[in-house]
């Protein structure tokens, strides 16, 4: 009797785990939709303790500009959204909850992290595999200016898209590439450059003013 009770309990446990375990099909349940690239800016935001955070800002409405740009090589960003209540006007993504990598219609949020690295006189936006896969160069600042918000210029085969689910456009932003060959076509020096920390804490941007 005890044997059958144990067997029944084991079967119930397996059934429960099967119900809650993610199925392979769920990994690709999201799709993507194209966006106007000019409505977004990707930047390296300097942190007081050193290093940079990746920040993506979207101009949702044209009521007031969310940022301004100056200079070249690098382009310096003035984050104007910190000077007013940007609710409904500007959108921002500051961590992996707001952005991730998508290649060949495959979400890589669990396999790849977005990192900011210091290259040869510039900052690099890099997709770094946590499973030993090949790294990807996604963007460059084409110059370096300490203590400033710097614009990332995406590499030619990369673009921003938005996550969609069952036809609904979500707030999550993808760094998208259509093929693995194109995504891994960039080159890095054989010796990895020092990784600059990309904080996962709450955004240090000042709260919007009323």
Protein backbone atom coordinates (compact mmCIF):
# COMPACT_ATOMS: atom_id res chain seq x y z
CA UNK A 1 0.00 0.00 0.00
CA UNK A 2 2.79 2.39 0.92
CA UNK A 3 4.45 1.65 -2.41
CA UNK A 4 1.40 2.73 -4.37
CA UNK A 5 1.00 5.82 -2.21
CA UNK A 6 4.59 6.81 -2.90
CA UNK A 7 4.17 6.09 -6.61
CA UNK A 8 1.03 8.19 -6.77
CA UNK A 9 2.71 11.04 -4.93
CA UNK A 10 5.68 10.89 -7.31
CA UNK A 11 3.40 11.01 -10.35
CA UNK A 12 1.54 13.99 -8.91
CA UNK A 13 4.85 15.77 -8.30
CA UNK A 14 6.00 15.14 -11.86
CA UNK A 15 2.69 16.36 -13.22
CA UNK A 16 2.95 19.54 -11.14
CA UNK A 17 6.51 20.22 -12.23
CA UNK A 18 5.55 19.63 -15.84
CA UNK A 19 2.78 22.18 -15.50
CA UNK A 20 5.03 24.92 -14.16
CA UNK A 21 8.24 24.16 -16.09
CA UNK A 22 8.81 26.43 -19.11
CA UNK A 23 8.24 24.65 -22.40
CA UNK A 24 10.68 25.12 -25.30
CA UNK A 25 7.99 26.83 -27.33
CA UNK A 26 7.64 29.51 -24.67
CA UNK A 27 11.16 30.76 -25.36
CA UNK A 28 9.99 32.15 -28.70
CA UNK A 29 6.47 33.20 -27.79
CA UNK A 30 7.43 36.86 -28.32
CA UNK A 31 7.79 38.52 -31.70
CA UNK A 32 9.16 41.92 -32.66
CA UNK A 33 7.94 45.00 -34.48
CA UNK A 34 9.94 47.66 -36.28
CA UNK A 35 10.29 51.17 -34.85
CA UNK A 36 11.44 54.57 -36.07
CA UNK A 37 15.11 54.57 -35.07
CA UNK A 38 15.18 58.37 -34.88
CA UNK A 39 12.76 58.21 -31.94
CA UNK A 40 15.36 56.46 -29.78
CA UNK A 41 18.81 57.16 -28.46
CA UNK A 42 21.17 54.59 -26.93
CA UNK A 43 23.72 56.04 -24.54
CA UNK A 44 26.37 55.28 -21.96
CA UNK A 45 25.43 57.06 -18.76
CA UNK A 46 28.36 57.82 -16.39
CA UNK A 47 28.01 56.67 -12.79
CA UNK A 48 29.34 58.63 -9.82
CA UNK A 49 31.28 55.61 -8.54
CA UNK A 50 32.84 54.98 -11.93
CA UNK A 51 31.80 52.99 -14.96
CA UNK A 52 28.69 53.40 -17.05
CA UNK A 53 25.11 52.27 -17.25
CA UNK A 54 23.36 51.51 -20.53
CA UNK A 55 20.35 53.78 -21.05
CA UNK A 56 17.81 53.75 -23.88
CA UNK A 57 15.50 56.77 -24.20
CA UNK A 58 12.46 57.00 -26.47
CA UNK A 59 10.74 60.16 -27.68
CA UNK A 60 7.08 59.13 -27.29
CA UNK A 61 5.48 62.52 -27.87
CA UNK A 62 6.93 65.71 -29.33
CA UNK A 63 5.66 67.93 -26.51
CA UNK A 64 9.24 68.52 -25.38
CA UNK A 65 12.53 66.99 -26.55
CA UNK A 66 13.82 64.18 -24.33
CA UNK A 67 17.47 64.75 -25.20
CA UNK A 68 19.81 66.87 -27.29
CA UNK A 69 23.05 65.99 -29.04
CA UNK A 70 26.26 67.90 -29.55
CA UNK A 71 29.67 67.27 -31.03
CA UNK A 72 30.93 64.27 -32.94
CA UNK A 73 33.31 61.40 -32.27
CA UNK A 74 31.89 61.12 -29.63
CA UNK A 75 28.39 62.59 -29.68
CA UNK A 76 27.59 63.98 -26.22
CA UNK A 77 24.01 63.60 -25.01
CA UNK A 78 22.20 66.08 -22.79
CA UNK A 79 19.41 64.05 -21.08
CA UNK A 80 16.75 66.77 -21.07
CA UNK A 81 14.13 64.42 -19.62
CA UNK A 82 15.70 64.98 -16.19
CA UNK A 83 14.55 68.62 -16.23
CA UNK A 84 10.78 68.10 -16.46
CA UNK A 85 7.99 65.63 -15.77
CA UNK A 86 8.54 63.32 -18.75
CA UNK A 87 5.57 61.03 -18.03
CA UNK A 88 3.92 60.14 -21.33
CA UNK A 89 6.51 62.16 -23.26
CA UNK A 90 9.70 60.15 -22.84
CA UNK A 91 10.28 56.47 -22.24
CA UNK A 92 13.44 55.01 -20.75
CA UNK A 93 14.94 51.56 -20.27
CA UNK A 94 17.70 51.21 -17.72
CA UNK A 95 18.25 47.47 -17.19
CA UNK A 96 17.50 43.97 -18.48
CA UNK A 97 13.83 44.41 -17.66
CA UNK A 98 13.67 47.08 -20.34
CA UNK A 99 16.02 45.77 -23.03
CA UNK A 100 17.67 42.60 -24.30
CA UNK A 101 19.26 41.05 -27.39
CA UNK A 102 17.33 39.27 -30.15
CA UNK A 103 19.08 37.52 -33.04
CA UNK A 104 17.44 35.63 -35.91
CA UNK A 105 14.04 35.91 -34.21
CA UNK A 106 15.41 34.33 -31.03
CA UNK A 107 15.31 36.03 -27.62
CA UNK A 108 18.73 35.92 -25.97
CA UNK A 109 17.90 37.63 -22.69
CA UNK A 110 18.85 34.53 -20.69
CA UNK A 111 21.96 33.70 -22.73
CA UNK A 112 23.54 37.10 -23.38
CA UNK A 113 24.20 40.15 -21.24
CA UNK A 114 24.67 43.69 -22.52
CA UNK A 115 28.00 45.12 -21.36
CA UNK A 116 29.86 48.38 -21.82
CA UNK A 117 33.57 47.91 -22.45
CA UNK A 118 36.37 50.37 -23.01
CA UNK A 119 37.92 49.85 -26.42
CA UNK A 120 40.70 51.75 -28.19
CA UNK A 121 39.69 55.32 -27.36
CA UNK A 122 35.97 54.58 -27.30
CA UNK A 123 33.24 52.66 -25.49
CA UNK A 124 31.83 49.47 -26.96
CA UNK A 125 28.35 48.06 -26.42
CA UNK A 126 28.89 44.31 -26.40
CA UNK A 127 26.64 41.28 -26.19
CA UNK A 128 28.49 38.89 -23.88
CA UNK A 129 27.48 35.24 -23.62
CA UNK A 130 27.19 33.68 -20.18
CA UNK A 131 27.45 30.24 -21.78
CA UNK A 132 30.73 30.62 -23.59
CA UNK A 133 29.32 31.76 -26.94
CA UNK A 134 30.88 34.30 -29.26
CA UNK A 135 30.65 37.95 -28.25
CA UNK A 136 28.94 40.53 -30.40
CA UNK A 137 29.80 44.18 -30.97
CA UNK A 138 26.49 46.01 -31.07
CA UNK A 139 27.50 49.67 -30.91
CA UNK A 140 30.36 52.17 -30.52
CA UNK A 141 30.72 55.72 -29.24
CA UNK A 142 33.49 56.59 -31.77
CA UNK A 143 35.36 58.53 -29.12
CA UNK A 144 35.55 59.05 -25.39
CA UNK A 145 34.80 62.00 -23.13
CA UNK A 146 34.98 61.25 -19.44
CA UNK A 147 32.00 62.10 -17.26
CA UNK A 148 29.62 62.69 -20.17
CA UNK A 149 26.56 60.89 -21.50
CA UNK A 150 27.83 59.37 -24.78
CA UNK A 151 25.77 58.19 -27.73
CA UNK A 152 26.19 54.66 -29.01
CA UNK A 153 26.08 54.32 -32.80
CA UNK A 154 24.75 50.85 -33.57
CA UNK A 155 26.72 48.69 -35.97
CA UNK A 156 25.20 48.51 -39.50
CA UNK A 157 23.36 45.20 -39.05
CA UNK A 158 21.89 46.11 -35.66
CA UNK A 159 18.72 48.09 -34.93
CA UNK A 160 16.19 48.62 -32.19
CA UNK A 161 12.81 46.87 -32.29
CA UNK A 162 10.00 46.45 -29.78
CA UNK A 163 8.77 43.21 -28.22
CA UNK A 164 5.26 42.11 -29.18
CA UNK A 165 2.99 39.44 -27.74
CA UNK A 166 -0.14 38.24 -29.52
CA UNK A 167 -0.18 41.43 -31.58
CA UNK A 168 0.29 43.78 -28.63
CA UNK A 169 3.37 46.04 -28.64
CA UNK A 170 5.15 45.93 -25.27
CA UNK A 171 7.55 48.37 -23.70
CA UNK A 172 10.55 46.04 -23.89
CA UNK A 173 13.22 47.09 -26.42
CA UNK A 174 15.28 44.62 -28.42
CA UNK A 175 18.75 45.12 -29.85
CA UNK A 176 17.92 43.12 -32.98
CA UNK A 177 19.93 41.46 -35.71
CA UNK A 178 18.46 39.28 -38.46
CA UNK A 179 21.23 36.67 -38.59
CA UNK A 180 23.85 35.06 -36.38
CA UNK A 181 26.51 35.54 -39.04
CA UNK A 182 25.94 39.29 -39.15
CA UNK A 183 25.60 39.55 -35.36
CA UNK A 184 29.00 37.95 -34.72
CA UNK A 185 30.77 39.64 -37.63
CA UNK A 186 32.44 42.30 -35.45
CA UNK A 187 35.95 41.89 -34.12
CA UNK A 188 37.45 42.47 -30.71
CA UNK A 189 41.07 42.42 -29.64
CA UNK A 190 42.31 38.96 -28.60
CA UNK A 191 42.74 40.22 -25.04
CA UNK A 192 39.34 41.31 -23.65
CA UNK A 193 39.16 44.99 -22.80
CA UNK A 194 38.38 45.95 -19.19
CA UNK A 195 34.68 45.62 -18.53
CA UNK A 196 33.06 48.76 -17.21
CA UNK A 197 30.30 47.98 -14.72
CA UNK A 198 26.72 48.13 -15.98
CA UNK A 199 24.68 48.61 -12.84
CA UNK A 200 21.44 46.71 -12.29
CA UNK A 201 20.35 48.98 -9.45
CA UNK A 202 17.59 51.56 -9.72
CA UNK A 203 18.39 54.28 -12.22
CA UNK A 204 20.44 57.16 -10.74
CA UNK A 205 18.71 59.66 -13.01
CA UNK A 206 17.03 62.42 -10.99
CA UNK A 207 13.29 62.13 -10.55
CA UNK A 208 11.27 64.14 -13.09
CA UNK A 209 10.38 67.59 -11.91
CA UNK A 210 6.79 68.78 -11.74
